[in-house]
Amino acid sequence: MASETALLSRLLIRVSQLGARIFRNNVGRLQDRRGRWVQYGLCVGSSDLIGYVPVIIQPEHVGRTIAVFLAIECKSADGRLRPEQQQFLKVVQSHGGIVCVARSESDAEIALAPWLR
């Protein structure tokens, strides 16, 4: 797990350098002082890093910048996606978002390259 944590930190920096806006997304639940369970994070299965890539659309929206949703799941060399993580990435991609399973910074660079010209 330490390698995924280190990768996540490197990805936050590198993806920001490339021009995207990216945020850490922790997902889980804990008990509050009264013993009630509180869920946090975007949703079950959502990616480790969530953000957007600013894209200038052409030609009918010339000069307008829109935000394309970005989801990056960080995995070690032998890390596997859980079914709910696979589903989250599939849904994001099917709706036009950018998805990436990153085992290195270069994985994220490759996924973002077509969007950051």
PDB file of N, CA and C in Angstrom:
ATOM      1  N   MET A   1       0.815  -1.204   0.000  1.00  0.00           N
ATOM      2  CA  MET A   1       0.000   0.000   0.000  1.00  0.00           C
ATOM      3  C   MET A   1       0.858   1.267   0.000  1.00  0.00           C
ATOM      4  N   ALA A   2       2.013   1.205   0.609  1.00  0.00           N
ATOM      5  CA  ALA A   2       2.873   2.381   0.655  1.00  0.00           C
ATOM      6  C   ALA A   2       3.245   2.843  -0.748  1.00  0.00           C
ATOM      7  N   SER A   3       3.451   1.898  -1.675  1.00  0.00           N
ATOM      8  CA  SER A   3       3.818   2.294  -3.031  1.00  0.00           C
ATOM      9  C   SER A   3       2.667   3.016  -3.730  1.00  0.00           C
ATOM     10  N   GLU A   4       1.416   2.603  -3.472  1.00  0.00           N
ATOM     11  CA  GLU A   4       0.277   3.311  -4.045  1.00  0.00           C
ATOM     12  C   GLU A   4       0.166   4.712  -3.453  1.00  0.00           C
ATOM     13  N   THR A   5       0.446   4.851  -2.174  1.00  0.00           N
ATOM     14  CA  THR A   5       0.398   6.160  -1.530  1.00  0.00           C
ATOM     15  C   THR A   5       1.467   7.083  -2.109  1.00  0.00           C
ATOM     16  N   ALA A   6       2.664   6.567  -2.315  1.00  0.00           N
ATOM     17  CA  ALA A   6       3.738   7.367  -2.910  1.00  0.00           C
ATOM     18  C   ALA A   6       3.382   7.754  -4.346  1.00  0.00           C
ATOM     19  N   LEU A   7       2.845   6.808  -5.103  1.00  0.00           N
ATOM     20  CA  LEU A   7       2.422   7.090  -6.475  1.00  0.00           C
ATOM     21  C   LEU A   7       1.352   8.166  -6.494  1.00  0.00           C
ATOM     22  N   LEU A   8       0.398   8.062  -5.599  1.00  0.00           N
ATOM     23  CA  LEU A   8      -0.685   9.027  -5.521  1.00  0.00           C
ATOM     24  C   LEU A   8      -0.131  10.439  -5.310  1.00  0.00           C
ATOM     25  N   SER A   9       0.834  10.581  -4.422  1.00  0.00           N
ATOM     26  CA  SER A   9       1.448  11.891  -4.166  1.00  0.00           C
ATOM     27  C   SER A   9       2.156  12.420  -5.402  1.00  0.00           C
ATOM     28  N   ARG A  10       2.873  11.561  -6.105  1.00  0.00           N
ATOM     29  CA  ARG A  10       3.568  11.972  -7.323  1.00  0.00           C
ATOM     30  C   ARG A  10       2.562  12.350  -8.410  1.00  0.00           C
ATOM     31  N   LEU A  11       1.472  11.597  -8.515  1.00  0.00           N
ATOM     32  CA  LEU A  11       0.453  11.889  -9.519  1.00  0.00           C
ATOM     33  C   LEU A  11      -0.237  13.221  -9.264  1.00  0.00           C
ATOM     34  N   LEU A  12      -0.517  13.543  -8.023  1.00  0.00           N
ATOM     35  CA  LEU A  12      -1.133  14.839  -7.706  1.00  0.00           C
ATOM     36  C   LEU A  12      -0.290  15.979  -8.261  1.00  0.00           C
ATOM     37  N   ILE A  13       1.015  15.866  -8.105  1.00  0.00           N
ATOM     38  CA  ILE A  13       1.915  16.908  -8.596  1.00  0.00           C
ATOM     39  C   ILE A  13       1.989  16.893 -10.119  1.00  0.00           C
ATOM     40  N   ARG A  14       2.242  15.732 -10.698  1.00  0.00           N
ATOM     41  CA  ARG A  14       2.453  15.643 -12.150  1.00  0.00           C
ATOM     42  C   ARG A  14       1.205  16.025 -12.942  1.00  0.00           C
ATOM     43  N   VAL A  15       0.053  15.530 -12.541  1.00  0.00           N
ATOM     44  CA  VAL A  15      -1.187  15.829 -13.267  1.00  0.00           C
ATOM     45  C   VAL A  15      -1.490  17.327 -13.184  1.00  0.00           C
ATOM     46  N   SER A  16      -1.216  17.952 -12.049  1.00  0.00           N
ATOM     47  CA  SER A  16      -1.392  19.406 -11.921  1.00  0.00           C
ATOM     48  C   SER A  16      -0.428  20.150 -12.841  1.00  0.00           C
ATOM     49  N   GLN A  17       0.811  19.672 -12.928  1.00  0.00           N
ATOM     50  CA  GLN A  17       1.791  20.298 -13.825  1.00  0.00           C
ATOM     51  C   GLN A  17       1.339  20.236 -15.283  1.00  0.00           C
ATOM     52  N   LEU A  18       0.610  19.184 -15.634  1.00  0.00           N
ATOM     53  CA  LEU A  18       0.132  19.013 -17.007  1.00  0.00           C
ATOM     54  C   LEU A  18      -1.048  19.929 -17.338  1.00  0.00           C
ATOM     55  N   GLY A  19      -1.653  20.553 -16.327  1.00  0.00           N
ATOM     56  CA  GLY A  19      -2.731  21.504 -16.564  1.00  0.00           C
ATOM     57  C   GLY A  19      -4.098  21.081 -16.071  1.00  0.00           C
ATOM     58  N   ALA A  20      -4.214  19.872 -15.532  1.00  0.00           N
ATOM     59  CA  ALA A  20      -5.492  19.418 -14.987  1.00  0.00           C
ATOM     60  C   ALA A  20      -5.628  19.896 -13.544  1.00  0.00           C
ATOM     61  N   ARG A  21      -6.831  19.899 -13.040  1.00  0.00           N
ATOM     62  CA  ARG A  21      -7.094  20.172 -11.621  1.00  0.00           C
ATOM     63  C   ARG A  21      -7.507  18.844 -11.013  1.00  0.00           C
ATOM     64  N   ILE A  22      -6.818  18.443  -9.971  1.00  0.00           N
ATOM     65  CA  ILE A  22      -7.020  17.099  -9.429  1.00  0.00           C
ATOM     66  C   ILE A  22      -7.089  17.161  -7.905  1.00  0.00           C
ATOM     67  N   PHE A  23      -7.913  16.294  -7.329  1.00  0.00           N
ATOM     68  CA  PHE A  23      -8.132  16.293  -5.888  1.00  0.00           C
ATOM     69  C   PHE A  23      -8.114  14.855  -5.372  1.00  0.00           C
ATOM     70  N   ARG A  24      -7.627  14.685  -4.173  1.00  0.00           N
ATOM     71  CA  ARG A  24      -7.613  13.369  -3.535  1.00  0.00           C
ATOM     72  C   ARG A  24      -9.023  13.032  -3.096  1.00  0.00           C
ATOM     73  N   ASN A  25      -9.458  11.821  -3.376  1.00  0.00           N
ATOM     74  CA  ASN A  25     -10.794  11.362  -3.005  1.00  0.00           C
ATOM     75  C   ASN A  25     -10.666  10.139  -2.102  1.00  0.00           C
ATOM     76  N   ASN A  26     -10.840  10.337  -0.831  1.00  0.00           N
ATOM     77  CA  ASN A  26     -10.872   9.219   0.111  1.00  0.00           C
ATOM     78  C   ASN A  26     -12.308   8.746   0.242  1.00  0.00           C
ATOM     79  N   VAL A  27     -12.520   7.460   0.176  1.00  0.00           N
ATOM     80  CA  VAL A  27     -13.857   6.893   0.296  1.00  0.00           C
ATOM     81  C   VAL A  27     -13.857   5.917   1.457  1.00  0.00           C
ATOM     82  N   GLY A  28     -14.870   6.003   2.275  1.00  0.00           N
ATOM     83  CA  GLY A  28     -14.988   5.076   3.402  1.00  0.00           C
ATOM     84  C   GLY A  28     -16.124   5.472   4.318  1.00  0.00           C
ATOM     85  N   ARG A  29     -16.070   4.945   5.517  1.00  0.00           N
ATOM     86  CA  ARG A  29     -17.060   5.315   6.520  1.00  0.00           C
ATOM     87  C   ARG A  29     -16.449   5.150   7.902  1.00  0.00           C
ATOM     88  N   LEU A  30     -16.999   5.912   8.835  1.00  0.00           N
ATOM     89  CA  LEU A  30     -16.557   5.831  10.217  1.00  0.00           C
ATOM     90  C   LEU A  30     -17.716   6.156  11.133  1.00  0.00           C
ATOM     91  N   GLN A  31     -17.547   5.810  12.373  1.00  0.00           N
ATOM     92  CA  GLN A  31     -18.603   6.093  13.343  1.00  0.00           C
ATOM     93  C   GLN A  31     -18.356   7.440  13.997  1.00  0.00           C
ATOM     94  N   ASP A  32     -19.444   8.218  14.146  1.00  0.00           N
ATOM     95  CA  ASP A  32     -19.317   9.485  14.844  1.00  0.00           C
ATOM     96  C   ASP A  32     -19.412   9.250  16.348  1.00  0.00           C
ATOM     97  N   ARG A  33     -19.411  10.298  17.125  1.00  0.00           N
ATOM     98  CA  ARG A  33     -19.431  10.191  18.591  1.00  0.00           C
ATOM     99  C   ARG A  33     -20.673   9.492  19.133  1.00  0.00           C
ATOM    100  N   ARG A  34     -21.745   9.539  18.355  1.00  0.00           N
ATOM    101  CA  ARG A  34     -22.994   8.905  18.791  1.00  0.00           C
ATOM    102  C   ARG A  34     -23.128   7.476  18.273  1.00  0.00           C
ATOM    103  N   GLY A  35     -22.107   7.001  17.558  1.00  0.00           N
ATOM    104  CA  GLY A  35     -22.148   5.639  17.050  1.00  0.00           C
ATOM    105  C   GLY A  35     -22.797   5.479  15.690  1.00  0.00           C
ATOM    106  N   ARG A  36     -23.191   6.601  15.084  1.00  0.00           N
ATOM    107  CA  ARG A  36     -23.798   6.551  13.749  1.00  0.00           C
ATOM    108  C   ARG A  36     -22.698   6.465  12.694  1.00  0.00           C
ATOM    109  N   TRP A  37     -22.966   5.678  11.656  1.00  0.00           N
ATOM    110  CA  TRP A  37     -22.004   5.559  10.569  1.00  0.00           C
ATOM    111  C   TRP A  37     -22.150   6.736   9.615  1.00  0.00           C
ATOM    112  N   VAL A  38     -21.018   7.335   9.275  1.00  0.00           N
ATOM    113  CA  VAL A  38     -20.973   8.461   8.354  1.00  0.00           C
ATOM    114  C   VAL A  38     -20.104   8.065   7.168  1.00  0.00           C
ATOM    115  N   GLN A  39     -20.671   8.157   5.979  1.00  0.00           N
ATOM    116  CA  GLN A  39     -19.911   7.842   4.773  1.00  0.00           C
ATOM    117  C   GLN A  39     -19.242   9.102   4.259  1.00  0.00           C
ATOM    118  N   TYR A  40     -18.047   8.956   3.719  1.00  0.00           N
ATOM    119  CA  TYR A  40     -17.344  10.098   3.145  1.00  0.00           C
ATOM    120  C   TYR A  40     -16.751   9.691   1.796  1.00  0.00           C
ATOM    121  N   GLY A  41     -16.433  10.696   1.008  1.00  0.00           N
ATOM    122  CA  GLY A  41     -15.917  10.466  -0.332  1.00  0.00           C
ATOM    123  C   GLY A  41     -17.024  10.584  -1.355  1.00  0.00           C
ATOM    124  N   LEU A  42     -16.624  10.529  -2.618  1.00  0.00           N
ATOM    125  CA  LEU A  42     -17.581  10.723  -3.696  1.00  0.00           C
ATOM    126  C   LEU A  42     -18.644   9.633  -3.724  1.00  0.00           C
ATOM    127  N   CYS A  43     -18.248   8.373  -3.884  1.00  0.00           N
ATOM    128  CA  CYS A  43     -19.162   7.234  -3.855  1.00  0.00           C
ATOM    129  C   CYS A  43     -18.332   5.960  -3.805  1.00  0.00           C
ATOM    130  N   VAL A  44     -18.944   4.868  -3.445  1.00  0.00           N
ATOM    131  CA  VAL A  44     -18.239   3.587  -3.404  1.00  0.00           C
ATOM    132  C   VAL A  44     -17.715   3.286  -4.808  1.00  0.00           C
ATOM    133  N   GLY A  45     -16.445   2.938  -4.886  1.00  0.00           N
ATOM    134  CA  GLY A  45     -15.831   2.620  -6.169  1.00  0.00           C
ATOM    135  C   GLY A  45     -15.214   3.803  -6.882  1.00  0.00           C
ATOM    136  N   SER A  46     -15.477   5.029  -6.391  1.00  0.00           N
ATOM    137  CA  SER A  46     -14.919   6.195  -7.072  1.00  0.00           C
ATOM    138  C   SER A  46     -13.396   6.207  -6.955  1.00  0.00           C
ATOM    139  N   SER A  47     -12.769   6.816  -7.930  1.00  0.00           N
ATOM    140  CA  SER A  47     -11.318   6.774  -8.072  1.00  0.00           C
ATOM    141  C   SER A  47     -10.593   7.566  -6.997  1.00  0.00           C
ATOM    142  N   ASP A  48      -9.303   7.236  -6.845  1.00  0.00           N
ATOM    143  CA  ASP A  48      -8.441   7.888  -5.856  1.00  0.00           C
ATOM    144  C   ASP A  48      -8.275   9.377  -6.138  1.00  0.00           C
ATOM    145  N   LEU A  49      -8.185   9.715  -7.405  1.00  0.00           N
ATOM    146  CA  LEU A  49      -8.011  11.104  -7.815  1.00  0.00           C
ATOM    147  C   LEU A  49      -9.159  11.494  -8.730  1.00  0.00           C
ATOM    148  N   ILE A  50      -9.784  12.607  -8.405  1.00  0.00           N
ATOM    149  CA  ILE A  50     -10.935  13.110  -9.147  1.00  0.00           C
ATOM    150  C   ILE A  50     -10.651  14.560  -9.519  1.00  0.00           C
ATOM    151  N   GLY A  51     -11.006  14.931 -10.724  1.00  0.00           N
ATOM    152  CA  GLY A  51     -10.786  16.309 -11.115  1.00  0.00           C
ATOM    153  C   GLY A  51     -11.345  16.594 -12.486  1.00  0.00           C
ATOM    154  N   TYR A  52     -10.713  17.544 -13.170  1.00  0.00           N
ATOM    155  CA  TYR A  52     -11.156  17.910 -14.502  1.00  0.00           C
ATOM    156  C   TYR A  52      -9.984  18.435 -15.318  1.00  0.00           C
ATOM    157  N   VAL A  53     -10.168  18.375 -16.622  1.00  0.00           N
ATOM    158  CA  VAL A  53      -9.208  18.918 -17.575  1.00  0.00           C
ATOM    159  C   VAL A  53      -9.906  20.044 -18.322  1.00  0.00           C
ATOM    160  N   PRO A  54      -9.351  21.263 -18.295  1.00  0.00           N
ATOM    161  CA  PRO A  54      -9.957  22.346 -19.064  1.00  0.00           C
ATOM    162  C   PRO A  54      -9.675  22.146 -20.556  1.00  0.00           C
ATOM    163  N   VAL A  55     -10.722  22.150 -21.362  1.00  0.00           N
ATOM    164  CA  VAL A  55     -10.604  21.895 -22.794  1.00  0.00           C
ATOM    165  C   VAL A  55     -11.335  22.992 -23.558  1.00  0.00           C
ATOM    166  N   ILE A  56     -10.694  23.505 -24.591  1.00  0.00           N
ATOM    167  CA  ILE A  56     -11.339  24.485 -25.470  1.00  0.00           C
ATOM    168  C   ILE A  56     -12.021  23.711 -26.591  1.00  0.00           C
ATOM    169  N   ILE A  57     -13.322  23.862 -26.675  1.00  0.00           N
ATOM    170  CA  ILE A  57     -14.115  23.143 -27.667  1.00  0.00           C
ATOM    171  C   ILE A  57     -14.152  23.938 -28.971  1.00  0.00           C
ATOM    172  N   GLN A  58     -14.092  23.229 -30.087  1.00  0.00           N
ATOM    173  CA  GLN A  58     -14.110  23.875 -31.380  1.00  0.00           C
ATOM    174  C   GLN A  58     -14.974  23.066 -32.323  1.00  0.00           C
ATOM    175  N   PRO A  59     -15.585  23.543 -33.348  1.00  0.00           N
ATOM    176  CA  PRO A  59     -15.659  24.941 -33.735  1.00  0.00           C
ATOM    177  C   PRO A  59     -16.874  25.677 -33.176  1.00  0.00           C
ATOM    178  N   GLU A  60     -17.970  24.980 -32.840  1.00  0.00           N
ATOM    179  CA  GLU A  60     -19.188  25.704 -32.451  1.00  0.00           C
ATOM    180  C   GLU A  60     -19.089  26.419 -31.106  1.00  0.00           C
ATOM    181  N   HIS A  61     -18.115  26.074 -30.313  1.00  0.00           N
ATOM    182  CA  HIS A  61     -17.921  26.742 -29.023  1.00  0.00           C
ATOM    183  C   HIS A  61     -16.561  27.422 -28.968  1.00  0.00           C
ATOM    184  N   VAL A  62     -16.135  27.966 -30.065  1.00  0.00           N
ATOM    185  CA  VAL A  62     -14.801  28.562 -30.150  1.00  0.00           C
ATOM    186  C   VAL A  62     -14.573  29.537 -29.004  1.00  0.00           C
ATOM    187  N   GLY A  63     -13.445  29.351 -28.348  1.00  0.00           N
ATOM    188  CA  GLY A  63     -13.072  30.243 -27.263  1.00  0.00           C
ATOM    189  C   GLY A  63     -13.652  29.895 -25.912  1.00  0.00           C
ATOM    190  N   ARG A  64     -14.574  28.941 -25.883  1.00  0.00           N
ATOM    191  CA  ARG A  64     -15.180  28.538 -24.614  1.00  0.00           C
ATOM    192  C   ARG A  64     -14.402  27.376 -24.028  1.00  0.00           C
ATOM    193  N   THR A  65     -14.107  27.456 -22.757  1.00  0.00           N
ATOM    194  CA  THR A  65     -13.418  26.360 -22.083  1.00  0.00           C
ATOM    195  C   THR A  65     -14.428  25.589 -21.260  1.00  0.00           C
ATOM    196  N   ILE A  66     -14.390  24.273 -21.383  1.00  0.00           N
ATOM    197  CA  ILE A  66     -15.254  23.430 -20.554  1.00  0.00           C
ATOM    198  C   ILE A  66     -14.377  22.499 -19.725  1.00  0.00           C
ATOM    199  N   ALA A  67     -14.954  21.928 -18.711  1.00  0.00           N
ATOM    200  CA  ALA A  67     -14.230  21.000 -17.846  1.00  0.00           C
ATOM    201  C   ALA A  67     -14.650  19.574 -18.183  1.00  0.00           C
ATOM    202  N   VAL A  68     -13.682  18.745 -18.544  1.00  0.00           N
ATOM    203  CA  VAL A  68     -13.939  17.336 -18.808  1.00  0.00           C
ATOM    204  C   VAL A  68     -13.569  16.562 -17.550  1.00  0.00           C
ATOM    205  N   PHE A  69     -14.514  15.780 -17.039  1.00  0.00           N
ATOM    206  CA  PHE A  69     -14.326  15.029 -15.805  1.00  0.00           C
ATOM    207  C   PHE A  69     -13.142  14.076 -15.941  1.00  0.00           C
ATOM    208  N   LEU A  70     -12.354  13.960 -14.890  1.00  0.00           N
ATOM    209  CA  LEU A  70     -11.153  13.132 -14.868  1.00  0.00           C
ATOM    210  C   LEU A  70     -11.178  12.222 -13.645  1.00  0.00           C
ATOM    211  N   ALA A  71     -10.951  10.928 -13.857  1.00  0.00           N
ATOM    212  CA  ALA A  71     -10.883   9.954 -12.765  1.00  0.00           C
ATOM    213  C   ALA A  71      -9.633   9.108 -12.943  1.00  0.00           C
ATOM    214  N   ILE A  72      -8.748   9.140 -11.941  1.00  0.00           N
ATOM    215  CA  ILE A  72      -7.522   8.352 -11.982  1.00  0.00           C
ATOM    216  C   ILE A  72      -7.509   7.403 -10.798  1.00  0.00           C
ATOM    217  N   GLU A  73      -7.407   6.124 -11.089  1.00  0.00           N
ATOM    218  CA  GLU A  73      -7.293   5.095 -10.048  1.00  0.00           C
ATOM    219  C   GLU A  73      -5.822   4.715  -9.947  1.00  0.00           C
ATOM    220  N   CYS A  74      -5.245   4.875  -8.755  1.00  0.00           N
ATOM    221  CA  CYS A  74      -3.836   4.562  -8.524  1.00  0.00           C
ATOM    222  C   CYS A  74      -3.694   3.104  -8.088  1.00  0.00           C
ATOM    223  N   LYS A  75      -2.811   2.394  -8.748  1.00  0.00           N
ATOM    224  CA  LYS A  75      -2.574   0.992  -8.415  1.00  0.00           C
ATOM    225  C   LYS A  75      -1.085   0.692  -8.466  1.00  0.00           C
ATOM    226  N   SER A  76      -0.640  -0.164  -7.561  1.00  0.00           N
ATOM    227  CA  SER A  76       0.738  -0.641  -7.605  1.00  0.00           C
ATOM    228  C   SER A  76       0.883  -1.570  -8.804  1.00  0.00           C
ATOM    229  N   ALA A  77       2.081  -2.017  -9.065  1.00  0.00           N
ATOM    230  CA  ALA A  77       2.352  -2.875 -10.225  1.00  0.00           C
ATOM    231  C   ALA A  77       1.464  -4.110 -10.244  1.00  0.00           C
ATOM    232  N   ASP A  78       1.166  -4.657  -9.074  1.00  0.00           N
ATOM    233  CA  ASP A  78       0.343  -5.870  -9.012  1.00  0.00           C
ATOM    234  C   ASP A  78      -1.048  -5.617  -8.427  1.00  0.00           C
ATOM    235  N   GLY A  79      -1.406  -4.346  -8.252  1.00  0.00           N
ATOM    236  CA  GLY A  79      -2.721  -4.006  -7.707  1.00  0.00           C
ATOM    237  C   GLY A  79      -3.837  -4.275  -8.702  1.00  0.00           C
ATOM    238  N   ARG A  80      -4.969  -4.717  -8.193  1.00  0.00           N
ATOM    239  CA  ARG A  80      -6.126  -5.040  -9.048  1.00  0.00           C
ATOM    240  C   ARG A  80      -7.295  -4.112  -8.732  1.00  0.00           C
ATOM    241  N   LEU A  81      -8.052  -3.835  -9.772  1.00  0.00           N
ATOM    242  CA  LEU A  81      -9.269  -3.044  -9.591  1.00  0.00           C
ATOM    243  C   LEU A  81     -10.360  -3.905  -8.988  1.00  0.00           C
ATOM    244  N   ARG A  82     -11.087  -3.338  -8.022  1.00  0.00           N
ATOM    245  CA  ARG A  82     -12.273  -4.010  -7.495  1.00  0.00           C
ATOM    246  C   ARG A  82     -13.401  -3.805  -8.512  1.00  0.00           C
ATOM    247  N   PRO A  83     -14.391  -4.691  -8.530  1.00  0.00           N
ATOM    248  CA  PRO A  83     -15.497  -4.551  -9.492  1.00  0.00           C
ATOM    249  C   PRO A  83     -16.168  -3.182  -9.449  1.00  0.00           C
ATOM    250  N   GLU A  84     -16.365  -2.627  -8.261  1.00  0.00           N
ATOM    251  CA  GLU A  84     -17.017  -1.312  -8.172  1.00  0.00           C
ATOM    252  C   GLU A  84     -16.118  -0.205  -8.728  1.00  0.00           C
ATOM    253  N   GLN A  85     -14.799  -0.368  -8.661  1.00  0.00           N
ATOM    254  CA  GLN A  85     -13.886   0.596  -9.272  1.00  0.00           C
ATOM    255  C   GLN A  85     -13.952   0.495 -10.794  1.00  0.00           C
ATOM    256  N   GLN A  86     -13.988  -0.724 -11.311  1.00  0.00           N
ATOM    257  CA  GLN A  86     -14.128  -0.925 -12.752  1.00  0.00           C
ATOM    258  C   GLN A  86     -15.419  -0.292 -13.249  1.00  0.00           C
ATOM    259  N   GLN A  87     -16.497  -0.475 -12.516  1.00  0.00           N
ATOM    260  CA  GLN A  87     -17.798   0.079 -12.910  1.00  0.00           C
ATOM    261  C   GLN A  87     -17.769   1.607 -12.914  1.00  0.00           C
ATOM    262  N   PHE A  88     -17.168   2.201 -11.900  1.00  0.00           N
ATOM    263  CA  PHE A  88     -17.073   3.655 -11.830  1.00  0.00           C
ATOM    264  C   PHE A  88     -16.336   4.198 -13.060  1.00  0.00           C
ATOM    265  N   LEU A  89     -15.183   3.611 -13.377  1.00  0.00           N
ATOM    266  CA  LEU A  89     -14.403   4.060 -14.523  1.00  0.00           C
ATOM    267  C   LEU A  89     -15.177   3.877 -15.828  1.00  0.00           C
ATOM    268  N   LYS A  90     -15.906   2.781 -15.930  1.00  0.00           N
ATOM    269  CA  LYS A  90     -16.700   2.504 -17.133  1.00  0.00           C
ATOM    270  C   LYS A  90     -17.785   3.567 -17.319  1.00  0.00           C
ATOM    271  N   VAL A  91     -18.452   3.922 -16.254  1.00  0.00           N
ATOM    272  CA  VAL A  91     -19.518   4.927 -16.326  1.00  0.00           C
ATOM    273  C   VAL A  91     -18.944   6.290 -16.701  1.00  0.00           C
ATOM    274  N   VAL A  92     -17.848   6.676 -16.066  1.00  0.00           N
ATOM    275  CA  VAL A  92     -17.227   7.970 -16.379  1.00  0.00           C
ATOM    276  C   VAL A  92     -16.836   8.017 -17.850  1.00  0.00           C
ATOM    277  N   GLN A  93     -16.187   6.970 -18.332  1.00  0.00           N
ATOM    278  CA  GLN A  93     -15.749   6.937 -19.725  1.00  0.00           C
ATOM    279  C   GLN A  93     -16.929   6.945 -20.694  1.00  0.00           C
ATOM    280  N   SER A  94     -17.985   6.216 -20.355  1.00  0.00           N
ATOM    281  CA  SER A  94     -19.143   6.151 -21.253  1.00  0.00           C
ATOM    282  C   SER A  94     -19.874   7.489 -21.365  1.00  0.00           C
ATOM    283  N   HIS A  95     -19.630   8.384 -20.409  1.00  0.00           N
ATOM    284  CA  HIS A  95     -20.251   9.709 -20.448  1.00  0.00           C
ATOM    285  C   HIS A  95     -19.272  10.791 -20.899  1.00  0.00           C
ATOM    286  N   GLY A  96     -18.164  10.371 -21.504  1.00  0.00           N
ATOM    287  CA  GLY A  96     -17.239  11.338 -22.084  1.00  0.00           C
ATOM    288  C   GLY A  96     -16.116  11.790 -21.184  1.00  0.00           C
ATOM    289  N   GLY A  97     -16.002  11.224 -19.994  1.00  0.00           N
ATOM    290  CA  GLY A  97     -14.926  11.599 -19.092  1.00  0.00           C
ATOM    291  C   GLY A  97     -13.620  10.907 -19.447  1.00  0.00           C
ATOM    292  N   ILE A  98     -12.559  11.362 -18.831  1.00  0.00           N
ATOM    293  CA  ILE A  98     -11.226  10.794 -19.016  1.00  0.00           C
ATOM    294  C   ILE A  98     -10.962   9.857 -17.846  1.00  0.00           C
ATOM    295  N   VAL A  99     -10.566   8.639 -18.133  1.00  0.00           N
ATOM    296  CA  VAL A  99     -10.259   7.682 -17.072  1.00  0.00           C
ATOM    297  C   VAL A  99      -8.859   7.125 -17.265  1.00  0.00           C
ATOM    298  N   CYS A 100      -8.264   6.698 -16.151  1.00  0.00           N
ATOM    299  CA  CYS A 100      -6.918   6.153 -16.205  1.00  0.00           C
ATOM    300  C   CYS A 100      -6.697   5.265 -14.985  1.00  0.00           C
ATOM    301  N   VAL A 101      -6.114   4.105 -15.224  1.00  0.00           N
ATOM    302  CA  VAL A 101      -5.570   3.299 -14.141  1.00  0.00           C
ATOM    303  C   VAL A 101      -4.073   3.560 -14.192  1.00  0.00           C
ATOM    304  N   ALA A 102      -3.559   4.252 -13.192  1.00  0.00           N
ATOM    305  CA  ALA A 102      -2.164   4.696 -13.222  1.00  0.00           C
ATOM    306  C   ALA A 102      -1.299   3.845 -12.300  1.00  0.00           C
ATOM    307  N   ARG A 103      -0.300   3.247 -12.889  1.00  0.00           N
ATOM    308  CA  ARG A 103       0.717   2.511 -12.133  1.00  0.00           C
ATOM    309  C   ARG A 103       2.025   3.299 -12.144  1.00  0.00           C
ATOM    310  N   SER A 104       2.005   4.425 -12.875  1.00  0.00           N
ATOM    311  CA  SER A 104       3.156   5.325 -12.958  1.00  0.00           C
ATOM    312  C   SER A 104       2.662   6.684 -13.439  1.00  0.00           C
ATOM    313  N   GLU A 105       3.513   7.689 -13.327  1.00  0.00           N
ATOM    314  CA  GLU A 105       3.157   9.006 -13.832  1.00  0.00           C
ATOM    315  C   GLU A 105       2.961   8.966 -15.344  1.00  0.00           C
ATOM    316  N   SER A 106       3.740   8.149 -16.027  1.00  0.00           N
ATOM    317  CA  SER A 106       3.617   8.100 -17.489  1.00  0.00           C
ATOM    318  C   SER A 106       2.255   7.572 -17.933  1.00  0.00           C
ATOM    319  N   ASP A 107       1.624   6.705 -17.139  1.00  0.00           N
ATOM    320  CA  ASP A 107       0.268   6.251 -17.470  1.00  0.00           C
ATOM    321  C   ASP A 107      -0.694   7.436 -17.521  1.00  0.00           C
ATOM    322  N   ALA A 108      -0.577   8.340 -16.545  1.00  0.00           N
ATOM    323  CA  ALA A 108      -1.443   9.524 -16.527  1.00  0.00           C
ATOM    324  C   ALA A 108      -1.097  10.464 -17.675  1.00  0.00           C
ATOM    325  N   GLU A 109       0.182  10.630 -17.967  1.00  0.00           N
ATOM    326  CA  GLU A 109       0.599  11.489 -19.075  1.00  0.00           C
ATOM    327  C   GLU A 109       0.014  10.996 -20.394  1.00  0.00           C
ATOM    328  N   ILE A 110       0.049   9.689 -20.617  1.00  0.00           N
ATOM    329  CA  ILE A 110      -0.483   9.102 -21.846  1.00  0.00           C
ATOM    330  C   ILE A 110      -1.996   9.320 -21.936  1.00  0.00           C
ATOM    331  N   ALA A 111      -2.705   9.123 -20.824  1.00  0.00           N
ATOM    332  CA  ALA A 111      -4.162   9.292 -20.823  1.00  0.00           C
ATOM    333  C   ALA A 111      -4.571  10.741 -21.071  1.00  0.00           C
ATOM    334  N   LEU A 112      -3.778  11.682 -20.573  1.00  0.00           N
ATOM    335  CA  LEU A 112      -4.121  13.103 -20.704  1.00  0.00           C
ATOM    336  C   LEU A 112      -3.628  13.738 -21.995  1.00  0.00           C
ATOM    337  N   ALA A 113      -2.645  13.140 -22.639  1.00  0.00           N
ATOM    338  CA  ALA A 113      -2.004  13.749 -23.817  1.00  0.00           C
ATOM    339  C   ALA A 113      -2.996  14.223 -24.892  1.00  0.00           C
ATOM    340  N   PRO A 114      -3.992  13.415 -25.260  1.00  0.00           N
ATOM    341  CA  PRO A 114      -4.906  13.881 -26.314  1.00  0.00           C
ATOM    342  C   PRO A 114      -5.758  15.088 -25.898  1.00  0.00           C
ATOM    343  N   TRP A 115      -5.862  15.335 -24.615  1.00  0.00           N
ATOM    344  CA  TRP A 115      -6.723  16.402 -24.104  1.00  0.00           C
ATOM    345  C   TRP A 115      -5.944  17.680 -23.811  1.00  0.00           C
ATOM    346  N   LEU A 116      -4.642  17.592 -23.692  1.00  0.00           N
ATOM    347  CA  LEU A 116      -3.816  18.734 -23.296  1.00  0.00           C
ATOM    348  C   LEU A 116      -2.859  19.110 -24.419  1.00  0.00           C
ATOM    349  N   ARG A 117      -3.400  19.567 -25.516  1.00  0.00           N
ATOM    350  CA  ARG A 117      -2.557  19.934 -26.672  1.00  0.00           C
ATOM    351  C   ARG A 117      -2.055  21.352 -26.555  1.00  0.00           C
TER     352      ARG A 117
END
